[in-house]
């Protein structure tokens, strides 16, 4: 596999997360730290699935734990500040990309039973090729959370 798109998506996300003008979500949704914690959880689960496939097991992917606010707050609490969260995201994204880069075509095509939710809506409950899980991060998941971070920008009076 080629992880260049995923690496690029993470560069954009981390640039958005580094902005000093991020506030809270208007709709009561996740704050920037929770978004980063969510990504840490998803990436760790995806890396574990990929390594499981390489090891010959047939793991499943279920993103519900990465949506649980208690779990996200636990992950946030394990970091001193946003900079530490961002460094952990950067490091873990590198690990995931390095794993993806080493997947051969056979491993990338292994069907992984997946349960994916987003905003309490079922996105998928079916086997997905491992490459589809990883490419989905680059194509949809990480860019979506980059937009979510940018939506947290607070404008001050007189500034657009």
Foldseek 3Di string as FASTA:
>chain_A
DACPLVLVLLVLLLVLLPDPQFAADPVRDDGSQLLLLLLLQQLVQLQVCLVCLVVPHAAAAESPCSVDPVSSVVSSVVAPDSVRSSVSSNVSSVVSNVSVVPDDPVQQQDWHQYFDDDPNHTPDGGTDGSVCSSVCCSPPVSNVVSVVSNSRGDADPPGD
